[in-house]
PDB file of N, CA and C in Angstrom:
ATOM      1  N   MET A   1       4.333  -9.044  31.577  1.00  0.00           N
ATOM      2  CA  MET A   1       4.211  -9.828  30.382  1.00  0.00           C
ATOM      3  C   MET A   1       3.093 -10.875  30.573  1.00  0.00           C
ATOM      4  N   ARG A   2       2.352 -11.153  29.549  1.00  0.00           N
ATOM      5  CA  ARG A   2       1.310 -12.143  29.558  1.00  0.00           C
ATOM      6  C   ARG A   2       1.891 -13.457  28.975  1.00  0.00           C
ATOM      7  N   ILE A   3       1.723 -14.548  29.765  1.00  0.00           N
ATOM      8  CA  ILE A   3       2.257 -15.856  29.340  1.00  0.00           C
ATOM      9  C   ILE A   3       1.109 -16.830  29.284  1.00  0.00           C
ATOM     10  N   LEU A   4       0.893 -17.451  28.102  1.00  0.00           N
ATOM     11  CA  LEU A   4      -0.147 -18.476  27.971  1.00  0.00           C
ATOM     12  C   LEU A   4       0.553 -19.837  27.902  1.00  0.00           C
ATOM     13  N   VAL A   5       0.081 -20.758  28.678  1.00  0.00           N
ATOM     14  CA  VAL A   5       0.756 -22.080  28.761  1.00  0.00           C
ATOM     15  C   VAL A   5      -0.353 -23.152  28.896  1.00  0.00           C
ATOM     16  N   GLU A   6      -0.207 -24.245  28.149  1.00  0.00           N
ATOM     17  CA  GLU A   6      -1.112 -25.353  28.219  1.00  0.00           C
ATOM     18  C   GLU A   6      -0.963 -26.076  29.582  1.00  0.00           C
ATOM     19  N   ILE A   7      -1.993 -26.778  29.986  1.00  0.00           N
ATOM     20  CA  ILE A   7      -2.020 -27.389  31.339  1.00  0.00           C
ATOM     21  C   ILE A   7      -0.862 -28.346  31.516  1.00  0.00           C
ATOM     22  N   GLY A   8      -0.604 -29.205  30.572  1.00  0.00           N
ATOM     23  CA  GLY A   8       0.492 -30.177  30.686  1.00  0.00           C
ATOM     24  C   GLY A   8       1.864 -29.509  30.844  1.00  0.00           C
ATOM     25  N   GLU A   9       2.086 -28.487  30.021  1.00  0.00           N
ATOM     26  CA  GLU A   9       3.347 -27.732  30.126  1.00  0.00           C
ATOM     27  C   GLU A   9       3.413 -26.974  31.463  1.00  0.00           C
ATOM     28  N   ALA A  10       2.329 -26.436  31.929  1.00  0.00           N
ATOM     29  CA  ALA A  10       2.304 -25.737  33.197  1.00  0.00           C
ATOM     30  C   ALA A  10       2.676 -26.686  34.328  1.00  0.00           C
ATOM     31  N   ALA A  11       2.220 -27.912  34.278  1.00  0.00           N
ATOM     32  CA  ALA A  11       2.570 -28.893  35.320  1.00  0.00           C
ATOM     33  C   ALA A  11       4.065 -29.146  35.324  1.00  0.00           C
ATOM     34  N   GLU A  12       4.668 -29.224  34.164  1.00  0.00           N
ATOM     35  CA  GLU A  12       6.108 -29.442  34.059  1.00  0.00           C
ATOM     36  C   GLU A  12       6.933 -28.246  34.512  1.00  0.00           C
ATOM     37  N   ARG A  13       6.405 -27.031  34.311  1.00  0.00           N
ATOM     38  CA  ARG A  13       7.136 -25.781  34.544  1.00  0.00           C
ATOM     39  C   ARG A  13       6.599 -25.017  35.782  1.00  0.00           C
ATOM     40  N   LEU A  14       5.883 -25.660  36.671  1.00  0.00           N
ATOM     41  CA  LEU A  14       5.179 -24.950  37.744  1.00  0.00           C
ATOM     42  C   LEU A  14       6.097 -24.059  38.557  1.00  0.00           C
ATOM     43  N   GLU A  15       7.225 -24.578  38.968  1.00  0.00           N
ATOM     44  CA  GLU A  15       8.141 -23.738  39.788  1.00  0.00           C
ATOM     45  C   GLU A  15       8.552 -22.489  39.038  1.00  0.00           C
ATOM     46  N   GLU A  16       8.922 -22.614  37.777  1.00  0.00           N
ATOM     47  CA  GLU A  16       9.317 -21.472  36.953  1.00  0.00           C
ATOM     48  C   GLU A  16       8.138 -20.493  36.808  1.00  0.00           C
ATOM     49  N   LEU A  17       6.923 -21.008  36.598  1.00  0.00           N
ATOM     50  CA  LEU A  17       5.778 -20.131  36.417  1.00  0.00           C
ATOM     51  C   LEU A  17       5.439 -19.385  37.686  1.00  0.00           C
ATOM     52  N   ILE A  18       5.628 -20.014  38.844  1.00  0.00           N
ATOM     53  CA  ILE A  18       5.437 -19.339  40.101  1.00  0.00           C
ATOM     54  C   ILE A  18       6.393 -18.183  40.260  1.00  0.00           C
ATOM     55  N   GLU A  19       7.649 -18.374  39.849  1.00  0.00           N
ATOM     56  CA  GLU A  19       8.646 -17.290  39.920  1.00  0.00           C
ATOM     57  C   GLU A  19       8.241 -16.152  38.976  1.00  0.00           C
ATOM     58  N   LEU A  20       7.762 -16.460  37.798  1.00  0.00           N
ATOM     59  CA  LEU A  20       7.279 -15.441  36.879  1.00  0.00           C
ATOM     60  C   LEU A  20       6.102 -14.672  37.463  1.00  0.00           C
ATOM     61  N   ALA A  21       5.184 -15.363  38.109  1.00  0.00           N
ATOM     62  CA  ALA A  21       4.075 -14.704  38.728  1.00  0.00           C
ATOM     63  C   ALA A  21       4.526 -13.792  39.849  1.00  0.00           C
ATOM     64  N   ALA A  22       5.569 -14.174  40.570  1.00  0.00           N
ATOM     65  CA  ALA A  22       6.141 -13.340  41.636  1.00  0.00           C
ATOM     66  C   ALA A  22       6.707 -12.070  41.080  1.00  0.00           C
ATOM     67  N   ARG A  23       7.084 -12.075  39.823  1.00  0.00           N
ATOM     68  CA  ARG A  23       7.620 -10.847  39.176  1.00  0.00           C
ATOM     69  C   ARG A  23       6.511 -10.091  38.467  1.00  0.00           C
ATOM     70  N   GLN A  24       5.281 -10.389  38.792  1.00  0.00           N
ATOM     71  CA  GLN A  24       4.108  -9.675  38.268  1.00  0.00           C
ATOM     72  C   GLN A  24       3.768 -10.032  36.841  1.00  0.00           C
ATOM     73  N   ASP A  25       4.290 -11.154  36.297  1.00  0.00           N
ATOM     74  CA  ASP A  25       3.861 -11.602  34.975  1.00  0.00           C
ATOM     75  C   ASP A  25       2.491 -12.195  35.103  1.00  0.00           C
ATOM     76  N   GLU A  26       1.704 -12.102  34.060  1.00  0.00           N
ATOM     77  CA  GLU A  26       0.336 -12.680  34.053  1.00  0.00           C
ATOM     78  C   GLU A  26       0.454 -14.071  33.439  1.00  0.00           C
ATOM     79  N   ILE A  27       0.115 -15.115  34.195  1.00  0.00           N
ATOM     80  CA  ILE A  27       0.215 -16.472  33.750  1.00  0.00           C
ATOM     81  C   ILE A  27      -1.169 -17.021  33.522  1.00  0.00           C
ATOM     82  N   LEU A  28      -1.509 -17.325  32.296  1.00  0.00           N
ATOM     83  CA  LEU A  28      -2.786 -17.892  31.940  1.00  0.00           C
ATOM     84  C   LEU A  28      -2.629 -19.363  31.588  1.00  0.00           C
ATOM     85  N   ILE A  29      -3.332 -20.214  32.291  1.00  0.00           N
ATOM     86  CA  ILE A  29      -3.280 -21.652  32.041  1.00  0.00           C
ATOM     87  C   ILE A  29      -4.415 -21.988  31.022  1.00  0.00           C
ATOM     88  N   CYS A  30      -4.004 -22.654  29.967  1.00  0.00           N
ATOM     89  CA  CYS A  30      -4.983 -22.904  28.867  1.00  0.00           C
ATOM     90  C   CYS A  30      -5.306 -24.379  28.747  1.00  0.00           C
ATOM     91  N   ARG A  31      -6.493 -24.616  28.194  1.00  0.00           N
ATOM     92  CA  ARG A  31      -6.915 -25.987  27.834  1.00  0.00           C
ATOM     93  C   ARG A  31      -7.345 -25.875  26.349  1.00  0.00           C
ATOM     94  N   ASP A  32      -6.692 -26.627  25.501  1.00  0.00           N
ATOM     95  CA  ASP A  32      -6.977 -26.590  24.046  1.00  0.00           C
ATOM     96  C   ASP A  32      -6.862 -25.179  23.501  1.00  0.00           C
ATOM     97  N   GLY A  33      -5.848 -24.415  24.002  1.00  0.00           N
ATOM     98  CA  GLY A  33      -5.609 -23.082  23.463  1.00  0.00           C
ATOM     99  C   GLY A  33      -6.478 -21.984  24.044  1.00  0.00           C
ATOM    100  N   ARG A  34      -7.383 -22.310  24.965  1.00  0.00           N
ATOM    101  CA  ARG A  34      -8.260 -21.325  25.535  1.00  0.00           C
ATOM    102  C   ARG A  34      -7.951 -21.129  27.028  1.00  0.00           C
ATOM    103  N   PRO A  35      -7.742 -19.885  27.435  1.00  0.00           N
ATOM    104  CA  PRO A  35      -7.403 -19.673  28.847  1.00  0.00           C
ATOM    105  C   PRO A  35      -8.542 -20.159  29.780  1.00  0.00           C
ATOM    106  N   THR A  36      -8.154 -20.895  30.823  1.00  0.00           N
ATOM    107  CA  THR A  36      -9.159 -21.444  31.761  1.00  0.00           C
ATOM    108  C   THR A  36      -8.829 -21.084  33.209  1.00  0.00           C
ATOM    109  N   ALA A  37      -7.610 -20.668  33.493  1.00  0.00           N
ATOM    110  CA  ALA A  37      -7.213 -20.330  34.846  1.00  0.00           C
ATOM    111  C   ALA A  37      -6.092 -19.322  34.827  1.00  0.00           C
ATOM    112  N   VAL A  38      -5.926 -18.639  35.959  1.00  0.00           N
ATOM    113  CA  VAL A  38      -4.857 -17.672  36.110  1.00  0.00           C
ATOM    114  C   VAL A  38      -4.018 -18.075  37.304  1.00  0.00           C
ATOM    115  N   LEU A  39      -2.685 -18.070  37.124  1.00  0.00           N
ATOM    116  CA  LEU A  39      -1.756 -18.322  38.222  1.00  0.00           C
ATOM    117  C   LEU A  39      -1.339 -16.989  38.804  1.00  0.00           C
ATOM    118  N   THR A  40      -1.581 -16.838  40.098  1.00  0.00           N
ATOM    119  CA  THR A  40      -1.260 -15.558  40.761  1.00  0.00           C
ATOM    120  C   THR A  40      -0.765 -15.865  42.173  1.00  0.00           C
ATOM    121  N   LEU A  41      -0.018 -14.965  42.740  1.00  0.00           N
ATOM    122  CA  LEU A  41       0.461 -15.140  44.115  1.00  0.00           C
ATOM    123  C   LEU A  41      -0.620 -14.947  45.123  1.00  0.00           C
ATOM    124  N   ILE A  42      -0.632 -15.728  46.153  1.00  0.00           N
ATOM    125  CA  ILE A  42      -1.596 -15.575  47.253  1.00  0.00           C
ATOM    126  C   ILE A  42      -1.386 -14.239  47.916  1.00  0.00           C
ATOM    127  N   ALA A  43      -0.164 -13.827  48.176  1.00  0.00           N
ATOM    128  CA  ALA A  43       0.080 -12.550  48.861  1.00  0.00           C
ATOM    129  C   ALA A  43      -0.557 -11.417  48.161  1.00  0.00           C
ATOM    130  N   SER A  44      -0.561 -11.369  46.831  1.00  0.00           N
ATOM    131  CA  SER A  44      -1.140 -10.277  46.082  1.00  0.00           C
ATOM    132  C   SER A  44      -2.682 -10.320  46.224  1.00  0.00           C
ATOM    133  N   ARG A  45      -3.256 -11.492  46.259  1.00  0.00           N
ATOM    134  CA  ARG A  45      -4.682 -11.634  46.474  1.00  0.00           C
ATOM    135  C   ARG A  45      -5.097 -11.245  47.880  1.00  0.00           C
ATOM    136  N   LEU A  46      -4.297 -11.615  48.871  1.00  0.00           N
ATOM    137  CA  LEU A  46      -4.620 -11.286  50.261  1.00  0.00           C
ATOM    138  C   LEU A  46      -4.557  -9.792  50.462  1.00  0.00           C
ATOM    139  N   ASP A  47      -3.601  -9.101  49.825  1.00  0.00           N
ATOM    140  CA  ASP A  47      -3.548  -7.641  49.955  1.00  0.00           C
ATOM    141  C   ASP A  47      -4.832  -6.998  49.473  1.00  0.00           C
ATOM    142  N   THR A  48      -5.403  -7.522  48.404  1.00  0.00           N
ATOM    143  CA  THR A  48      -6.615  -6.971  47.860  1.00  0.00           C
ATOM    144  C   THR A  48      -7.790  -7.247  48.768  1.00  0.00           C
ATOM    145  N   ILE A  49      -7.864  -8.436  49.333  1.00  0.00           N
ATOM    146  CA  ILE A  49      -8.942  -8.837  50.248  1.00  0.00           C
ATOM    147  C   ILE A  49      -8.922  -8.001  51.531  1.00  0.00           C
ATOM    148  N   ASP A  50      -7.738  -7.726  52.056  1.00  0.00           N
ATOM    149  CA  ASP A  50      -7.625  -6.988  53.307  1.00  0.00           C
ATOM    150  C   ASP A  50      -8.055  -5.530  53.211  1.00  0.00           C
ATOM    151  N   ASP A  51      -8.042  -4.946  52.009  1.00  0.00           N
ATOM    152  CA  ASP A  51      -8.372  -3.500  51.832  1.00  0.00           C
ATOM    153  C   ASP A  51      -9.796  -3.215  52.096  1.00  0.00           C
TER     154      ASP A  51
END
């Protein structure tokens, strides 16, 4: 599932958003309604780098 969340809300919900990312949800952090960052697990990034 793709989840868009504003920066302020992401700060308040960070622990919950990390859990959602762990379940493979796509977390997009937005500023003024525009995606500016992606929250992803380090482990999934490291798996890609090691290949």
